[in-house]
Amino acid sequence: MAPYVHEEVKDMKYELIYIIDVALEEEARKELMERFNGMIQQNGGTVEKVEEWGKRRFAYLIDDKPEGYYVLVHYTADPAVPKEIERNLGITEG
């Protein structure tokens, strides 16, 4: 029986959904979306598709707000990238 050779996982497909404060103007919202895309690309990932779902109501209030602007991003990246994005979420405003 041949020994198992572990192959390093390179790129995997991911989806990221984030919610932007509806109080942000369109220009600020676009800049924030570019920051997220840039964060993926700076870490070696590739943004494949961005879907703006738009303004939607929450099931319950979040930070005293009844709705948010939803964005879905499809991207390919190394398995470490989602952790890096999550780590950086705390410093993102809006």
PDB file of N, CA and C in Angstrom:
ATOM      1  N   MET A   1       0.847  -1.177   0.000  1.00  0.00           N
ATOM      2  CA  MET A   1       0.000   0.000   0.000  1.00  0.00           C
ATOM      3  C   MET A   1       0.895   1.243   0.000  1.00  0.00           C
ATOM      4  N   ALA A   2       0.609   2.154  -0.910  1.00  0.00           N
ATOM      5  CA  ALA A   2       1.414   3.371  -1.036  1.00  0.00           C
ATOM      6  C   ALA A   2       1.081   4.346   0.094  1.00  0.00           C
ATOM      7  N   PRO A   3       2.077   5.065   0.600  1.00  0.00           N
ATOM      8  CA  PRO A   3       1.805   6.036   1.667  1.00  0.00           C
ATOM      9  C   PRO A   3       0.983   7.206   1.141  1.00  0.00           C
ATOM     10  N   TYR A   4       0.174   7.764   2.023  1.00  0.00           N
ATOM     11  CA  TYR A   4      -0.653   8.921   1.667  1.00  0.00           C
ATOM     12  C   TYR A   4       0.229  10.161   1.604  1.00  0.00           C
ATOM     13  N   VAL A   5       0.156  10.867   0.511  1.00  0.00           N
ATOM     14  CA  VAL A   5       0.924  12.094   0.344  1.00  0.00           C
ATOM     15  C   VAL A   5      -0.049  13.252   0.478  1.00  0.00           C
ATOM     16  N   HIS A   6       0.174  14.075   1.486  1.00  0.00           N
ATOM     17  CA  HIS A   6      -0.703  15.225   1.721  1.00  0.00           C
ATOM     18  C   HIS A   6      -0.395  16.317   0.711  1.00  0.00           C
ATOM     19  N   GLU A   7      -1.406  16.681  -0.060  1.00  0.00           N
ATOM     20  CA  GLU A   7      -1.244  17.773  -1.008  1.00  0.00           C
ATOM     21  C   GLU A   7      -1.717  19.059  -0.353  1.00  0.00           C
ATOM     22  N   GLU A   8      -0.919  20.078  -0.482  1.00  0.00           N
ATOM     23  CA  GLU A   8      -1.279  21.373   0.104  1.00  0.00           C
ATOM     24  C   GLU A   8      -2.437  21.971  -0.666  1.00  0.00           C
ATOM     25  N   VAL A   9      -3.431  22.436   0.061  1.00  0.00           N
ATOM     26  CA  VAL A   9      -4.591  23.070  -0.555  1.00  0.00           C
ATOM     27  C   VAL A   9      -4.191  24.477  -0.965  1.00  0.00           C
ATOM     28  N   LYS A  10      -4.387  24.786  -2.217  1.00  0.00           N
ATOM     29  CA  LYS A  10      -4.037  26.124  -2.720  1.00  0.00           C
ATOM     30  C   LYS A  10      -5.253  27.036  -2.585  1.00  0.00           C
ATOM     31  N   ASP A  11      -6.024  27.168  -3.632  1.00  0.00           N
ATOM     32  CA  ASP A  11      -7.159  28.082  -3.628  1.00  0.00           C
ATOM     33  C   ASP A  11      -8.474  27.338  -3.512  1.00  0.00           C
ATOM     34  N   MET A  12      -9.374  27.947  -2.755  1.00  0.00           N
ATOM     35  CA  MET A  12     -10.712  27.400  -2.589  1.00  0.00           C
ATOM     36  C   MET A  12     -11.706  28.498  -2.918  1.00  0.00           C
ATOM     37  N   LYS A  13     -12.940  28.122  -3.226  1.00  0.00           N
ATOM     38  CA  LYS A  13     -13.986  29.102  -3.517  1.00  0.00           C
ATOM     39  C   LYS A  13     -14.714  29.451  -2.226  1.00  0.00           C
ATOM     40  N   TYR A  14     -14.990  30.748  -2.052  1.00  0.00           N
ATOM     41  CA  TYR A  14     -15.669  31.243  -0.856  1.00  0.00           C
ATOM     42  C   TYR A  14     -16.758  32.220  -1.237  1.00  0.00           C
ATOM     43  N   GLU A  15     -17.688  32.400  -0.315  1.00  0.00           N
ATOM     44  CA  GLU A  15     -18.704  33.444  -0.413  1.00  0.00           C
ATOM     45  C   GLU A  15     -18.631  34.265   0.857  1.00  0.00           C
ATOM     46  N   LEU A  16     -18.733  35.564   0.700  1.00  0.00           N
ATOM     47  CA  LEU A  16     -18.717  36.489   1.833  1.00  0.00           C
ATOM     48  C   LEU A  16     -19.940  37.371   1.714  1.00  0.00           C
ATOM     49  N   ILE A  17     -20.761  37.406   2.760  1.00  0.00           N
ATOM     50  CA  ILE A  17     -21.895  38.329   2.803  1.00  0.00           C
ATOM     51  C   ILE A  17     -21.599  39.335   3.899  1.00  0.00           C
ATOM     52  N   TYR A  18     -21.706  40.607   3.553  1.00  0.00           N
ATOM     53  CA  TYR A  18     -21.561  41.634   4.576  1.00  0.00           C
ATOM     54  C   TYR A  18     -22.669  42.652   4.410  1.00  0.00           C
ATOM     55  N   ILE A  19     -22.922  43.373   5.494  1.00  0.00           N
ATOM     56  CA  ILE A  19     -24.026  44.328   5.539  1.00  0.00           C
ATOM     57  C   ILE A  19     -23.455  45.712   5.820  1.00  0.00           C
ATOM     58  N   ILE A  20     -23.862  46.673   5.012  1.00  0.00           N
ATOM     59  CA  ILE A  20     -23.398  48.044   5.143  1.00  0.00           C
ATOM     60  C   ILE A  20     -24.540  48.895   5.698  1.00  0.00           C
ATOM     61  N   ASP A  21     -24.208  49.850   6.527  1.00  0.00           N
ATOM     62  CA  ASP A  21     -25.177  50.779   7.088  1.00  0.00           C
ATOM     63  C   ASP A  21     -25.862  51.543   5.958  1.00  0.00           C
ATOM     64  N   VAL A  22     -27.192  51.542   5.936  1.00  0.00           N
ATOM     65  CA  VAL A  22     -27.928  52.223   4.869  1.00  0.00           C
ATOM     66  C   VAL A  22     -27.785  53.744   4.942  1.00  0.00           C
ATOM     67  N   ALA A  23     -27.285  54.256   6.051  1.00  0.00           N
ATOM     68  CA  ALA A  23     -27.093  55.696   6.187  1.00  0.00           C
ATOM     69  C   ALA A  23     -25.914  56.190   5.347  1.00  0.00           C
ATOM     70  N   LEU A  24     -25.029  55.287   4.921  1.00  0.00           N
ATOM     71  CA  LEU A  24     -23.897  55.692   4.094  1.00  0.00           C
ATOM     72  C   LEU A  24     -24.382  56.098   2.706  1.00  0.00           C
ATOM     73  N   GLU A  25     -23.806  57.155   2.181  1.00  0.00           N
ATOM     74  CA  GLU A  25     -24.138  57.579   0.826  1.00  0.00           C
ATOM     75  C   GLU A  25     -23.527  56.600  -0.169  1.00  0.00           C
ATOM     76  N   GLU A  26     -24.002  56.642  -1.400  1.00  0.00           N
ATOM     77  CA  GLU A  26     -23.574  55.678  -2.414  1.00  0.00           C
ATOM     78  C   GLU A  26     -22.063  55.677  -2.626  1.00  0.00           C
ATOM     79  N   GLU A  27     -21.451  56.845  -2.667  1.00  0.00           N
ATOM     80  CA  GLU A  27     -20.003  56.922  -2.887  1.00  0.00           C
ATOM     81  C   GLU A  27     -19.228  56.247  -1.748  1.00  0.00           C
ATOM     82  N   ALA A  28     -19.639  56.495  -0.517  1.00  0.00           N
ATOM     83  CA  ALA A  28     -18.987  55.885   0.645  1.00  0.00           C
ATOM     84  C   ALA A  28     -19.206  54.374   0.648  1.00  0.00           C
ATOM     85  N   ARG A  29     -20.406  53.943   0.236  1.00  0.00           N
ATOM     86  CA  ARG A  29     -20.703  52.508   0.164  1.00  0.00           C
ATOM     87  C   ARG A  29     -19.805  51.838  -0.873  1.00  0.00           C
ATOM     88  N   LYS A  30     -19.631  52.467  -2.043  1.00  0.00           N
ATOM     89  CA  LYS A  30     -18.779  51.907  -3.093  1.00  0.00           C
ATOM     90  C   LYS A  30     -17.325  51.822  -2.621  1.00  0.00           C
ATOM     91  N   GLU A  31     -16.861  52.849  -1.894  1.00  0.00           N
ATOM     92  CA  GLU A  31     -15.500  52.838  -1.361  1.00  0.00           C
ATOM     93  C   GLU A  31     -15.307  51.695  -0.370  1.00  0.00           C
ATOM     94  N   LEU A  32     -16.312  51.453   0.471  1.00  0.00           N
ATOM     95  CA  LEU A  32     -16.240  50.364   1.442  1.00  0.00           C
ATOM     96  C   LEU A  32     -16.201  49.012   0.728  1.00  0.00           C
ATOM     97  N   MET A  33     -17.003  48.869  -0.326  1.00  0.00           N
ATOM     98  CA  MET A  33     -16.992  47.629  -1.100  1.00  0.00           C
ATOM     99  C   MET A  33     -15.631  47.419  -1.753  1.00  0.00           C
ATOM    100  N   GLU A  34     -15.014  48.488  -2.240  1.00  0.00           N
ATOM    101  CA  GLU A  34     -13.685  48.385  -2.828  1.00  0.00           C
ATOM    102  C   GLU A  34     -12.648  47.992  -1.774  1.00  0.00           C
ATOM    103  N   ARG A  35     -12.821  48.466  -0.545  1.00  0.00           N
ATOM    104  CA  ARG A  35     -11.901  48.072   0.535  1.00  0.00           C
ATOM    105  C   ARG A  35     -11.974  46.573   0.790  1.00  0.00           C
ATOM    106  N   PHE A  36     -13.198  46.017   0.806  1.00  0.00           N
ATOM    107  CA  PHE A  36     -13.347  44.574   1.010  1.00  0.00           C
ATOM    108  C   PHE A  36     -12.715  43.810  -0.146  1.00  0.00           C
ATOM    109  N   ASN A  37     -12.985  44.240  -1.382  1.00  0.00           N
ATOM    110  CA  ASN A  37     -12.392  43.568  -2.538  1.00  0.00           C
ATOM    111  C   ASN A  37     -10.876  43.675  -2.492  1.00  0.00           C
ATOM    112  N   GLY A  38     -10.364  44.835  -2.125  1.00  0.00           N
ATOM    113  CA  GLY A  38      -8.931  45.043  -2.010  1.00  0.00           C
ATOM    114  C   GLY A  38      -8.299  44.167  -0.950  1.00  0.00           C
ATOM    115  N   MET A  39      -9.021  43.970   0.164  1.00  0.00           N
ATOM    116  CA  MET A  39      -8.529  43.122   1.242  1.00  0.00           C
ATOM    117  C   MET A  39      -8.342  41.686   0.737  1.00  0.00           C
ATOM    118  N   ILE A  40      -9.292  41.219  -0.058  1.00  0.00           N
ATOM    119  CA  ILE A  40      -9.193  39.872  -0.630  1.00  0.00           C
ATOM    120  C   ILE A  40      -7.996  39.799  -1.577  1.00  0.00           C
ATOM    121  N   GLN A  41      -7.874  40.791  -2.450  1.00  0.00           N
ATOM    122  CA  GLN A  41      -6.806  40.793  -3.447  1.00  0.00           C
ATOM    123  C   GLN A  41      -5.425  40.966  -2.815  1.00  0.00           C
ATOM    124  N   GLN A  42      -5.319  41.797  -1.783  1.00  0.00           N
ATOM    125  CA  GLN A  42      -4.032  41.999  -1.111  1.00  0.00           C
ATOM    126  C   GLN A  42      -3.528  40.724  -0.448  1.00  0.00           C
ATOM    127  N   ASN A  43      -4.445  39.842  -0.113  1.00  0.00           N
ATOM    128  CA  ASN A  43      -4.062  38.585   0.522  1.00  0.00           C
ATOM    129  C   ASN A  43      -3.952  37.446  -0.488  1.00  0.00           C
ATOM    130  N   GLY A  44      -3.876  37.788  -1.779  1.00  0.00           N
ATOM    131  CA  GLY A  44      -3.658  36.789  -2.815  1.00  0.00           C
ATOM    132  C   GLY A  44      -4.914  36.162  -3.377  1.00  0.00           C
ATOM    133  N   GLY A  45      -6.083  36.653  -2.992  1.00  0.00           N
ATOM    134  CA  GLY A  45      -7.334  36.106  -3.499  1.00  0.00           C
ATOM    135  C   GLY A  45      -7.774  36.782  -4.783  1.00  0.00           C
ATOM    136  N   THR A  46      -8.790  36.199  -5.413  1.00  0.00           N
ATOM    137  CA  THR A  46      -9.348  36.747  -6.645  1.00  0.00           C
ATOM    138  C   THR A  46     -10.853  36.918  -6.472  1.00  0.00           C
ATOM    139  N   VAL A  47     -11.331  38.145  -6.623  1.00  0.00           N
ATOM    140  CA  VAL A  47     -12.767  38.417  -6.558  1.00  0.00           C
ATOM    141  C   VAL A  47     -13.362  38.009  -7.898  1.00  0.00           C
ATOM    142  N   GLU A  48     -14.322  37.090  -7.852  1.00  0.00           N
ATOM    143  CA  GLU A  48     -14.911  36.587  -9.086  1.00  0.00           C
ATOM    144  C   GLU A  48     -16.224  37.282  -9.424  1.00  0.00           C
ATOM    145  N   LYS A  49     -17.010  37.617  -8.397  1.00  0.00           N
ATOM    146  CA  LYS A  49     -18.317  38.213  -8.648  1.00  0.00           C
ATOM    147  C   LYS A  49     -18.784  38.955  -7.402  1.00  0.00           C
ATOM    148  N   VAL A  50     -19.372  40.124  -7.587  1.00  0.00           N
ATOM    149  CA  VAL A  50     -19.942  40.893  -6.486  1.00  0.00           C
ATOM    150  C   VAL A  50     -21.414  41.124  -6.811  1.00  0.00           C
ATOM    151  N   GLU A  51     -22.279  40.694  -5.901  1.00  0.00           N
ATOM    152  CA  GLU A  51     -23.723  40.882  -6.076  1.00  0.00           C
ATOM    153  C   GLU A  51     -24.230  41.846  -5.012  1.00  0.00           C
ATOM    154  N   GLU A  52     -24.762  42.955  -5.440  1.00  0.00           N
ATOM    155  CA  GLU A  52     -25.360  43.899  -4.505  1.00  0.00           C
ATOM    156  C   GLU A  52     -26.829  43.524  -4.362  1.00  0.00           C
ATOM    157  N   TRP A  53     -27.184  42.986  -3.214  1.00  0.00           N
ATOM    158  CA  TRP A  53     -28.568  42.609  -2.960  1.00  0.00           C
ATOM    159  C   TRP A  53     -29.404  43.818  -2.574  1.00  0.00           C
ATOM    160  N   GLY A  54     -28.735  44.877  -2.161  1.00  0.00           N
ATOM    161  CA  GLY A  54     -29.446  46.109  -1.825  1.00  0.00           C
ATOM    162  C   GLY A  54     -29.984  46.138  -0.408  1.00  0.00           C
ATOM    163  N   LYS A  55     -30.881  47.088  -0.193  1.00  0.00           N
ATOM    164  CA  LYS A  55     -31.433  47.329   1.137  1.00  0.00           C
ATOM    165  C   LYS A  55     -32.472  46.269   1.482  1.00  0.00           C
ATOM    166  N   ARG A  56     -32.313  45.687   2.677  1.00  0.00           N
ATOM    167  CA  ARG A  56     -33.250  44.666   3.165  1.00  0.00           C
ATOM    168  C   ARG A  56     -33.512  44.873   4.647  1.00  0.00           C
ATOM    169  N   ARG A  57     -34.698  44.500   5.057  1.00  0.00           N
ATOM    170  CA  ARG A  57     -35.070  44.612   6.472  1.00  0.00           C
ATOM    171  C   ARG A  57     -34.460  43.460   7.266  1.00  0.00           C
ATOM    172  N   PHE A  58     -34.041  43.769   8.490  1.00  0.00           N
ATOM    173  CA  PHE A  58     -33.538  42.747   9.406  1.00  0.00           C
ATOM    174  C   PHE A  58     -34.716  42.063  10.085  1.00  0.00           C
ATOM    175  N   ALA A  59     -34.488  40.862  10.564  1.00  0.00           N
ATOM    176  CA  ALA A  59     -35.509  40.157  11.343  1.00  0.00           C
ATOM    177  C   ALA A  59     -35.678  40.818  12.705  1.00  0.00           C
ATOM    178  N   TYR A  60     -34.630  41.483  13.164  1.00  0.00           N
ATOM    179  CA  TYR A  60     -34.649  42.214  14.440  1.00  0.00           C
ATOM    180  C   TYR A  60     -33.660  43.361  14.316  1.00  0.00           C
ATOM    181  N   LEU A  61     -33.749  44.325  15.195  1.00  0.00           N
ATOM    182  CA  LEU A  61     -32.868  45.489  15.138  1.00  0.00           C
ATOM    183  C   LEU A  61     -31.412  45.094  15.380  1.00  0.00           C
ATOM    184  N   ILE A  62     -30.524  45.679  14.603  1.00  0.00           N
ATOM    185  CA  ILE A  62     -29.086  45.517  14.800  1.00  0.00           C
ATOM    186  C   ILE A  62     -28.532  46.919  14.993  1.00  0.00           C
ATOM    187  N   ASP A  63     -27.930  47.160  16.154  1.00  0.00           N
ATOM    188  CA  ASP A  63     -27.454  48.505  16.502  1.00  0.00           C
ATOM    189  C   ASP A  63     -28.561  49.539  16.328  1.00  0.00           C
ATOM    190  N   ASP A  64     -29.762  49.180  16.740  1.00  0.00           N
ATOM    191  CA  ASP A  64     -30.945  50.049  16.676  1.00  0.00           C
ATOM    192  C   ASP A  64     -31.338  50.425  15.253  1.00  0.00           C
ATOM    193  N   LYS A  65     -30.948  49.633  14.283  1.00  0.00           N
ATOM    194  CA  LYS A  65     -31.289  49.904  12.884  1.00  0.00           C
ATOM    195  C   LYS A  65     -32.168  48.775  12.351  1.00  0.00           C
ATOM    196  N   PRO A  66     -33.219  49.119  11.590  1.00  0.00           N
ATOM    197  CA  PRO A  66     -34.134  48.092  11.086  1.00  0.00           C
ATOM    198  C   PRO A  66     -33.727  47.450   9.762  1.00  0.00           C
ATOM    199  N   GLU A  67     -32.730  48.041   9.040  1.00  0.00           N
ATOM    200  CA  GLU A  67     -32.358  47.495   7.745  1.00  0.00           C
ATOM    201  C   GLU A  67     -30.890  47.752   7.436  1.00  0.00           C
ATOM    202  N   GLY A  68     -30.386  47.032   6.435  1.00  0.00           N
ATOM    203  CA  GLY A  68     -29.005  47.182   6.018  1.00  0.00           C
ATOM    204  C   GLY A  68     -28.881  46.930   4.533  1.00  0.00           C
ATOM    205  N   TYR A  69     -27.741  47.268   3.971  1.00  0.00           N
ATOM    206  CA  TYR A  69     -27.453  47.084   2.550  1.00  0.00           C
ATOM    207  C   TYR A  69     -26.571  45.841   2.422  1.00  0.00           C
ATOM    208  N   TYR A  70     -27.112  44.793   1.799  1.00  0.00           N
ATOM    209  CA  TYR A  70     -26.439  43.502   1.716  1.00  0.00           C
ATOM    210  C   TYR A  70     -25.575  43.392   0.460  1.00  0.00           C
ATOM    211  N   VAL A  71     -24.391  42.792   0.631  1.00  0.00           N
ATOM    212  CA  VAL A  71     -23.477  42.552  -0.490  1.00  0.00           C
ATOM    213  C   VAL A  71     -22.953  41.114  -0.380  1.00  0.00           C
ATOM    214  N   LEU A  72     -22.991  40.397  -1.490  1.00  0.00           N
ATOM    215  CA  LEU A  72     -22.462  39.029  -1.565  1.00  0.00           C
ATOM    216  C   LEU A  72     -21.254  39.032  -2.501  1.00  0.00           C
ATOM    217  N   VAL A  73     -20.134  38.489  -2.028  1.00  0.00           N
ATOM    218  CA  VAL A  73     -18.909  38.423  -2.828  1.00  0.00           C
ATOM    219  C   VAL A  73     -18.515  36.959  -3.001  1.00  0.00           C
ATOM    220  N   HIS A  74     -18.303  36.558  -4.253  1.00  0.00           N
ATOM    221  CA  HIS A  74     -17.773  35.229  -4.567  1.00  0.00           C
ATOM    222  C   HIS A  74     -16.297  35.432  -4.865  1.00  0.00           C
ATOM    223  N   TYR A  75     -15.437  34.670  -4.185  1.00  0.00           N
ATOM    224  CA  TYR A  75     -14.000  34.821  -4.427  1.00  0.00           C
ATOM    225  C   TYR A  75     -13.277  33.502  -4.248  1.00  0.00           C
ATOM    226  N   THR A  76     -12.073  33.459  -4.812  1.00  0.00           N
ATOM    227  CA  THR A  76     -11.190  32.301  -4.708  1.00  0.00           C
ATOM    228  C   THR A  76      -9.949  32.756  -3.947  1.00  0.00           C
ATOM    229  N   ALA A  77      -9.528  31.952  -2.968  1.00  0.00           N
ATOM    230  CA  ALA A  77      -8.380  32.350  -2.160  1.00  0.00           C
ATOM    231  C   ALA A  77      -7.797  31.164  -1.409  1.00  0.00           C
ATOM    232  N   ASP A  78      -6.635  31.394  -0.859  1.00  0.00           N
ATOM    233  CA  ASP A  78      -5.972  30.457   0.035  1.00  0.00           C
ATOM    234  C   ASP A  78      -6.840  30.324   1.292  1.00  0.00           C
ATOM    235  N   PRO A  79      -6.871  29.168   1.939  1.00  0.00           N
ATOM    236  CA  PRO A  79      -7.706  28.990   3.128  1.00  0.00           C
ATOM    237  C   PRO A  79      -7.420  29.960   4.284  1.00  0.00           C
ATOM    238  N   ALA A  80      -6.283  30.625   4.286  1.00  0.00           N
ATOM    239  CA  ALA A  80      -5.967  31.578   5.356  1.00  0.00           C
ATOM    240  C   ALA A  80      -6.659  32.926   5.158  1.00  0.00           C
ATOM    241  N   VAL A  81      -7.099  33.230   3.951  1.00  0.00           N
ATOM    242  CA  VAL A  81      -7.668  34.546   3.653  1.00  0.00           C
ATOM    243  C   VAL A  81      -8.959  34.832   4.429  1.00  0.00           C
ATOM    244  N   PRO A  82      -9.921  33.906   4.518  1.00  0.00           N
ATOM    245  CA  PRO A  82     -11.131  34.225   5.293  1.00  0.00           C
ATOM    246  C   PRO A  82     -10.824  34.613   6.742  1.00  0.00           C
ATOM    247  N   LYS A  83      -9.832  33.985   7.353  1.00  0.00           N
ATOM    248  CA  LYS A  83      -9.457  34.344   8.725  1.00  0.00           C
ATOM    249  C   LYS A  83      -8.885  35.752   8.777  1.00  0.00           C
ATOM    250  N   GLU A  84      -8.115  36.121   7.767  1.00  0.00           N
ATOM    251  CA  GLU A  84      -7.533  37.461   7.707  1.00  0.00           C
ATOM    252  C   GLU A  84      -8.636  38.512   7.527  1.00  0.00           C
ATOM    253  N   ILE A  85      -9.616  38.206   6.699  1.00  0.00           N
ATOM    254  CA  ILE A  85     -10.741  39.131   6.506  1.00  0.00           C
ATOM    255  C   ILE A  85     -11.503  39.294   7.810  1.00  0.00           C
ATOM    256  N   GLU A  86     -11.786  38.188   8.485  1.00  0.00           N
ATOM    257  CA  GLU A  86     -12.501  38.237   9.759  1.00  0.00           C
ATOM    258  C   GLU A  86     -11.730  39.059  10.796  1.00  0.00           C
ATOM    259  N   ARG A  87     -10.424  38.911  10.803  1.00  0.00           N
ATOM    260  CA  ARG A  87      -9.589  39.659  11.733  1.00  0.00           C
ATOM    261  C   ARG A  87      -9.692  41.158  11.473  1.00  0.00           C
ATOM    262  N   ASN A  88      -9.802  41.531  10.217  1.00  0.00           N
ATOM    263  CA  ASN A  88      -9.861  42.943   9.835  1.00  0.00           C
ATOM    264  C   ASN A  88     -11.257  43.551   9.943  1.00  0.00           C
ATOM    265  N   LEU A  89     -12.284  42.733  10.119  1.00  0.00           N
ATOM    266  CA  LEU A  89     -13.645  43.259  10.183  1.00  0.00           C
ATOM    267  C   LEU A  89     -13.832  44.217  11.357  1.00  0.00           C
ATOM    268  N   GLY A  90     -13.131  43.990  12.441  1.00  0.00           N
ATOM    269  CA  GLY A  90     -13.264  44.845  13.616  1.00  0.00           C
ATOM    270  C   GLY A  90     -12.822  46.269  13.391  1.00  0.00           C
ATOM    271  N   ILE A  91     -11.993  46.509  12.364  1.00  0.00           N
ATOM    272  CA  ILE A  91     -11.494  47.855  12.132  1.00  0.00           C
ATOM    273  C   ILE A  91     -12.247  48.561  11.002  1.00  0.00           C
ATOM    274  N   THR A  92     -13.259  47.917  10.444  1.00  0.00           N
ATOM    275  CA  THR A  92     -14.028  48.501   9.355  1.00  0.00           C
ATOM    276  C   THR A  92     -15.204  49.270   9.924  1.00  0.00           C
ATOM    277  N   GLU A  93     -15.377  50.483   9.451  1.00  0.00           N
ATOM    278  CA  GLU A  93     -16.507  51.300   9.878  1.00  0.00           C
ATOM    279  C   GLU A  93     -17.575  51.285   8.795  1.00  0.00           C
ATOM    280  N   GLY A  94     -18.817  51.494   9.195  1.00  0.00           N
ATOM    281  CA  GLY A  94     -19.896  51.574   8.226  1.00  0.00           C
ATOM    282  C   GLY A  94     -20.555  50.238   8.028  1.00  0.00           C
TER     283      GLY A  94
END
